[in-house]
Amino acid sequence: MNPRLTRKADVTSEVLPDGSMVLFDPTNMMAYPITASGAVIWEAYGSSPVPVRLVEDLLSVYDAPREIVERDLRAFVSHLLEFGILLPVNEDEAVRR
């Protein structure tokens, strides 16, 4: 799983006391509550368009088989793409940066 993705620029996030997070997209006035593991994934995409160690980072925190972590990661990223708050990187823009 190595698609180059980026977070939608105007989406804000608020970390909650339990480590979970609420993402807010002002474009459509939608709030998206996510779990603590979802927050780890969201943060990872803020620092890199391809967070290469993400599965390993999640495995170090959660006691779950690799295939389950990978499956859940793909599903979560797919939901973020579906909601339009995680976006494919425009390769032309990436080259200009």
Protein backbone atom coordinates (compact mmCIF):
# COMPACT_ATOMS: atom_id res chain seq x y z
CA MET A 1 0.00 0.00 0.00
CA ASN A 2 2.03 2.94 -1.26
CA PRO A 3 -0.27 5.45 -2.90
CA ARG A 4 0.93 9.02 -2.53
CA LEU A 5 -1.73 10.81 -0.52
CA THR A 6 -2.09 14.10 1.29
CA ARG A 7 -4.54 15.53 3.76
CA LYS A 8 -7.07 18.04 2.42
CA ALA A 9 -5.60 21.42 3.35
CA ASP A 10 -8.57 23.01 5.10
CA VAL A 11 -9.51 20.01 7.27
CA THR A 12 -8.85 20.73 10.93
CA SER A 13 -8.37 18.21 13.71
CA GLU A 14 -8.99 18.20 17.43
CA VAL A 15 -7.36 15.57 19.63
CA LEU A 16 -9.61 14.30 22.40
CA PRO A 17 -8.40 13.21 25.87
CA ASP A 18 -8.56 9.50 24.98
CA GLY A 19 -6.29 9.98 21.92
CA SER A 20 -9.13 9.83 19.43
CA MET A 21 -9.73 12.79 17.17
CA VAL A 22 -12.44 14.73 15.40
CA LEU A 23 -11.70 15.89 11.86
CA PHE A 24 -13.72 18.82 10.53
CA ASP A 25 -14.13 19.67 6.86
CA PRO A 26 -15.42 23.26 6.55
CA THR A 27 -16.19 22.78 2.86
CA ASN A 28 -19.16 20.53 3.59
CA MET A 29 -19.49 21.34 7.32
CA MET A 30 -18.92 17.69 8.25
CA ALA A 31 -17.22 16.32 11.35
CA TYR A 32 -15.59 12.89 11.29
CA PRO A 33 -14.82 11.24 14.64
CA ILE A 34 -11.90 8.81 14.40
CA THR A 35 -10.31 6.42 16.87
CA ALA A 36 -6.86 6.78 18.42
CA SER A 37 -5.40 4.45 15.79
CA GLY A 38 -7.13 6.52 13.10
CA ALA A 39 -5.51 9.62 14.61
CA VAL A 40 -2.08 7.97 14.26
CA ILE A 41 -2.80 7.33 10.59
CA TRP A 42 -4.13 10.86 10.01
CA GLU A 43 -1.01 12.37 11.61
CA ALA A 44 1.27 10.13 9.55
CA TYR A 45 -0.18 11.46 6.31
CA GLY A 46 0.56 14.99 7.50
CA SER A 47 4.28 14.37 7.53
CA SER A 48 4.68 12.22 4.42
CA PRO A 49 2.61 11.38 1.34
CA VAL A 50 3.71 7.73 1.77
CA PRO A 51 4.18 6.89 5.45
CA VAL A 52 6.39 3.85 4.85
CA ARG A 53 6.63 2.68 8.45
CA LEU A 54 2.97 3.10 9.27
CA VAL A 55 2.16 -0.61 9.52
CA GLU A 56 5.22 -1.20 11.71
CA ASP A 57 4.31 1.79 13.89
CA LEU A 58 0.80 0.44 14.38
CA LEU A 59 2.10 -3.08 15.11
CA SER A 60 4.36 -1.68 17.82
CA VAL A 61 1.32 -0.21 19.60
CA TYR A 62 -1.47 -2.71 18.90
CA ASP A 63 -1.43 -6.44 19.57
CA ALA A 64 -2.84 -7.63 16.26
CA PRO A 65 -1.63 -9.76 13.35
CA ARG A 66 0.05 -7.88 10.50
CA GLU A 67 -2.62 -8.91 7.97
CA ILE A 68 -5.37 -7.46 10.17
CA VAL A 69 -3.47 -4.19 10.66
CA GLU A 70 -2.82 -3.92 6.92
CA ARG A 71 -6.46 -4.71 6.09
CA ASP A 72 -7.79 -2.18 8.60
CA LEU A 73 -5.30 0.46 7.43
CA ARG A 74 -6.39 0.02 3.80
CA ALA A 75 -10.07 0.23 4.81
CA PHE A 76 -9.54 3.36 6.91
CA VAL A 77 -7.54 5.12 4.20
CA SER A 78 -10.22 4.14 1.69
CA HIS A 79 -12.87 5.80 3.89
CA LEU A 80 -10.81 8.99 4.18
CA LEU A 81 -10.47 9.05 0.39
CA GLU A 82 -14.20 8.43 0.01
CA PHE A 83 -14.97 11.34 2.37
CA GLY A 84 -12.60 13.55 0.34
CA ILE A 85 -10.42 14.50 3.31
CA LEU A 86 -7.43 12.45 2.16
CA LEU A 87 -6.51 13.12 -1.46
CA PRO A 88 -4.17 11.67 -4.07
CA VAL A 89 -1.04 13.78 -4.48
CA ASN A 90 -0.99 15.70 -7.73
CA GLU A 91 2.39 14.59 -9.11
CA ASP A 92 2.84 17.87 -11.03
CA GLU A 93 2.48 19.84 -7.79
CA ALA A 94 4.77 17.46 -5.90
CA VAL A 95 7.54 18.02 -8.48
CA ARG A 96 7.24 21.81 -8.15
CA ARG A 97 7.66 21.72 -4.35
